[in-house]
Amino acid sequence: MKLRVILTVSFILYFIFPALSLNSIGILNGYLFANLDYKQDLKNIPLLVSFNFNGKSLFSCLKDKLRGDIVFSLEPFINTIYQPDANVEIGTNFLFKYIFPSKGKIKPYVKGGLGIEYMTQHIREQSTQYNFLPQIGGGISFFLDKHTSLDFEYRFRHLSNASFKTPNGGVDANVFLWGFTHYF
C-alpha cells in the first residue's frame, strides 16, 4: 500500500507540476466534525496551506467551453484532533477547483479531489491509521483587492482505507473552512 501511494504521488509531482504555474497561496483554518459509532464524535481544527496552480493547461481541450478558471490545489495539512482524544491528522490533498466567472468582488467556486493522511487517533471504524480522503465542496472568495481574498468554504469529506484492511467503516465529516489567499 505504501508503495502505491508513493508511486501515485510521484506520478502527480513528475508529470503534472511542470505543466502548471503557481498563481496563489492560501492559508485555511476551520472546524471539522464527524459522527463515530463507538466513541464521542470526532472533532478537530484543520490547518491547511493551499498551493494553487493554473490548471487550464491541463484542460486545454475545454478552454472554449469553460468560461471560469480551473485551479489545481496541493494542500498539505495538519489537523489538531481534540475529541475524542488529543491527536493529530497529517497529510496532503490533491484537489481541482472551478471558479465560476464573475465580474464582482465575490467569486463562487466548487472543489473536489482526493487526499491521503495519517491519523494518530485510533477509531473502531478504521483498521488502519493511513487513509484516503475523497472530498467535495464549494465556497466563495471575497476579494479585498486584486491580490488578496477572504475565503469561506464547506467540504464533505469521507475518510476510508479503500478496503485495504477490515474494518473499513469509513467516517463522513463536515468541514467548515475560512482563510486568506494571496494571488501573484
Protein backbone atom coordinates (compact mmCIF):
# COMPACT_ATOMS: atom_id res chain seq x y z
CA MET A 1 0.00 0.00 0.00
CA LYS A 2 2.77 2.46 0.89
CA LEU A 3 4.49 1.78 -2.44
CA ARG A 4 1.26 2.55 -4.34
CA VAL A 5 0.85 5.85 -2.51
CA ILE A 6 4.47 6.83 -3.17
CA LEU A 7 4.15 5.95 -6.87
CA THR A 8 0.89 7.87 -7.20
CA VAL A 9 2.30 10.99 -5.53
CA SER A 10 5.49 10.73 -7.62
CA PHE A 11 3.43 10.48 -10.81
CA ILE A 12 1.45 13.58 -9.89
CA LEU A 13 4.57 15.57 -9.00
CA TYR A 14 6.58 14.45 -12.03
CA PHE A 15 4.01 14.77 -14.79
CA ILE A 16 1.54 17.41 -13.66
CA PHE A 17 3.53 20.14 -11.87
CA PRO A 18 5.85 21.06 -14.79
CA ALA A 19 2.73 21.91 -16.84
CA LEU A 20 1.36 24.22 -14.17
CA SER A 21 2.28 27.63 -12.85
CA LEU A 22 1.79 28.69 -9.22
CA ASN A 23 -0.76 31.51 -9.13
CA SER A 24 -1.69 31.79 -5.44
CA ILE A 25 -1.06 30.55 -1.91
CA GLY A 26 -3.77 30.35 0.73
CA ILE A 27 -3.98 29.53 4.42
CA LEU A 28 -7.21 27.96 5.67
CA ASN A 29 -8.36 27.18 9.19
CA GLY A 30 -11.68 25.93 10.44
CA TYR A 31 -13.72 23.27 12.17
CA LEU A 32 -14.33 19.59 11.32
CA PHE A 33 -16.81 17.22 12.94
CA ALA A 34 -17.83 13.63 12.25
CA ASN A 35 -20.01 11.06 13.99
CA LEU A 36 -18.29 7.94 15.31
CA ASP A 37 -20.15 4.76 16.26
CA TYR A 38 -18.23 3.79 19.38
CA LYS A 39 -16.79 6.96 20.88
CA GLN A 40 -17.61 10.60 21.19
CA ASP A 41 -17.80 12.43 17.89
CA LEU A 42 -14.57 13.21 16.07
CA LYS A 43 -13.79 16.94 16.20
CA ASN A 44 -10.72 18.74 15.00
CA ILE A 45 -9.28 22.06 13.94
CA PRO A 46 -7.91 21.91 10.39
CA LEU A 47 -4.93 23.97 9.25
CA LEU A 48 -4.19 23.81 5.51
CA VAL A 49 -1.77 25.61 3.23
CA SER A 50 -3.12 25.70 -0.30
CA PHE A 51 -0.65 25.94 -3.20
CA ASN A 52 -2.83 26.82 -6.19
CA PHE A 53 -1.70 26.24 -9.77
CA ASN A 54 -3.29 27.41 -13.01
CA GLY A 55 -4.93 24.26 -14.34
CA LYS A 56 -6.16 25.49 -17.72
CA SER A 57 -3.14 23.95 -19.49
CA LEU A 58 -4.32 20.51 -18.29
CA PHE A 59 -7.76 21.09 -19.76
CA SER A 60 -6.87 22.96 -22.95
CA CYS A 61 -9.45 20.91 -24.88
CA LEU A 62 -12.19 22.51 -22.73
CA LYS A 63 -10.94 26.11 -22.80
CA ASP A 64 -13.65 27.21 -25.25
CA LYS A 65 -16.41 25.52 -23.23
CA LEU A 66 -15.42 26.64 -19.73
CA ARG A 67 -15.64 30.36 -19.05
CA GLY A 68 -14.36 30.15 -15.48
CA ASP A 69 -10.92 29.30 -14.12
CA ILE A 70 -9.64 25.82 -13.34
CA VAL A 71 -7.16 25.54 -10.49
CA PHE A 72 -5.19 22.54 -9.23
CA SER A 73 -4.54 22.76 -5.47
CA LEU A 74 -1.92 20.92 -3.49
CA GLU A 75 -2.85 21.23 0.20
CA PRO A 76 -0.53 19.91 2.88
CA PHE A 77 -2.39 19.93 6.20
CA ILE A 78 -2.11 19.27 9.89
CA ASN A 79 -5.34 18.92 11.83
CA THR A 80 -5.44 19.06 15.61
CA ILE A 81 -7.91 16.45 16.91
CA TYR A 82 -9.37 17.43 20.29
CA GLN A 83 -12.20 14.90 20.57
CA PRO A 84 -12.48 12.01 21.39
CA ASP A 85 -8.79 12.28 22.40
CA ALA A 86 -5.98 14.74 21.74
CA ASN A 87 -4.37 13.55 18.47
CA VAL A 88 -3.35 14.76 15.03
CA GLU A 89 -4.06 14.17 11.31
CA ILE A 90 -1.32 14.96 8.82
CA GLY A 91 -1.40 14.61 5.05
CA THR A 92 -1.93 16.21 1.66
CA ASN A 93 -4.97 16.91 -0.51
CA PHE A 94 -4.89 16.94 -4.32
CA LEU A 95 -7.90 18.98 -5.46
CA PHE A 96 -9.36 20.62 -8.55
CA LYS A 97 -11.26 23.87 -8.18
CA TYR A 98 -13.57 25.50 -10.72
CA ILE A 99 -14.08 29.24 -10.19
CA PHE A 100 -17.29 30.49 -11.78
CA PRO A 101 -16.97 33.62 -13.92
CA SER A 102 -17.83 36.79 -12.02
CA LYS A 103 -17.14 40.48 -12.55
CA GLY A 104 -17.64 41.50 -8.93
CA LYS A 105 -15.59 41.06 -5.77
CA ILE A 106 -17.31 37.77 -4.88
CA LYS A 107 -16.27 34.66 -6.82
CA PRO A 108 -18.08 31.36 -6.08
CA TYR A 109 -16.33 28.04 -6.70
CA VAL A 110 -16.65 24.27 -6.39
CA LYS A 111 -13.81 21.99 -5.37
CA GLY A 112 -13.17 18.26 -5.24
CA GLY A 113 -10.47 15.65 -5.16
CA LEU A 114 -8.61 13.16 -3.03
CA GLY A 115 -6.27 13.36 -0.06
CA ILE A 116 -4.01 10.97 1.81
CA GLU A 117 -3.44 11.12 5.54
CA TYR A 118 -2.04 9.54 8.65
CA MET A 119 -4.17 9.87 11.80
CA THR A 120 -2.81 9.15 15.28
CA GLN A 121 -6.37 8.72 16.63
CA HIS A 122 -7.38 5.04 16.83
CA ILE A 123 -11.05 4.51 15.93
CA ARG A 124 -13.03 1.30 15.56
CA GLU A 125 -14.46 2.30 12.19
CA GLN A 126 -10.99 2.10 10.57
CA SER A 127 -8.44 -0.68 10.96
CA THR A 128 -5.59 1.46 9.62
CA GLN A 129 -4.29 4.88 10.50
CA TYR A 130 -3.28 5.55 6.86
CA ASN A 131 -6.40 6.65 4.99
CA PHE A 132 -7.71 8.30 1.85
CA LEU A 133 -9.87 11.42 1.88
CA PRO A 134 -12.21 11.82 -1.09
CA GLN A 135 -13.92 15.19 -0.71
CA ILE A 136 -16.15 17.68 -2.46
CA GLY A 137 -17.30 21.16 -1.55
CA GLY A 138 -17.90 24.72 -2.51
CA GLY A 139 -17.22 28.21 -1.33
CA ILE A 140 -16.83 31.87 -2.07
CA SER A 141 -13.83 34.16 -2.32
CA PHE A 142 -14.37 37.78 -1.37
CA PHE A 143 -11.62 39.90 -2.94
CA LEU A 144 -10.29 42.63 -0.67
CA ASP A 145 -8.05 43.85 -3.52
CA LYS A 146 -6.69 42.27 -6.72
CA HIS A 147 -4.07 40.24 -4.80
CA THR A 148 -5.94 39.16 -1.63
CA SER A 149 -9.16 37.28 -1.00
CA LEU A 150 -11.01 36.22 2.13
CA ASP A 151 -12.31 32.67 1.58
CA PHE A 152 -15.22 30.74 3.12
CA GLU A 153 -15.66 27.09 2.22
CA TYR A 154 -17.64 23.95 3.09
CA ARG A 155 -16.42 20.42 2.30
CA PHE A 156 -17.92 17.00 2.72
CA ARG A 157 -15.06 14.59 3.44
CA HIS A 158 -15.06 10.78 3.60
CA LEU A 159 -12.22 9.01 5.43
CA SER A 160 -11.53 5.44 4.27
CA ASN A 161 -8.65 2.99 3.84
CA ALA A 162 -10.11 1.93 0.45
CA SER A 163 -10.75 -1.60 1.77
CA PHE A 164 -7.05 -2.43 2.13
CA LYS A 165 -7.90 -3.90 5.55
CA THR A 166 -11.10 -4.57 7.50
CA PRO A 167 -12.88 -2.99 9.19
CA ASN A 168 -13.32 -0.14 6.78
CA GLY A 169 -16.45 1.52 8.11
CA GLY A 170 -15.48 4.95 6.84
CA VAL A 171 -16.05 8.26 8.56
CA ASP A 172 -18.01 11.08 6.92
CA ALA A 173 -17.15 14.58 8.09
CA ASN A 174 -18.42 18.13 7.63
CA VAL A 175 -15.61 20.65 7.24
CA PHE A 176 -16.03 24.43 7.52
CA LEU A 177 -13.01 26.49 6.45
CA TRP A 178 -12.08 30.16 6.28
CA GLY A 179 -8.85 31.90 5.42
CA PHE A 180 -6.89 34.21 3.14
CA THR A 181 -5.39 33.69 -0.30
CA HIS A 182 -2.66 35.80 -1.88
CA TYR A 183 -2.59 35.92 -5.72
CA PHE A 184 0.58 36.61 -7.73
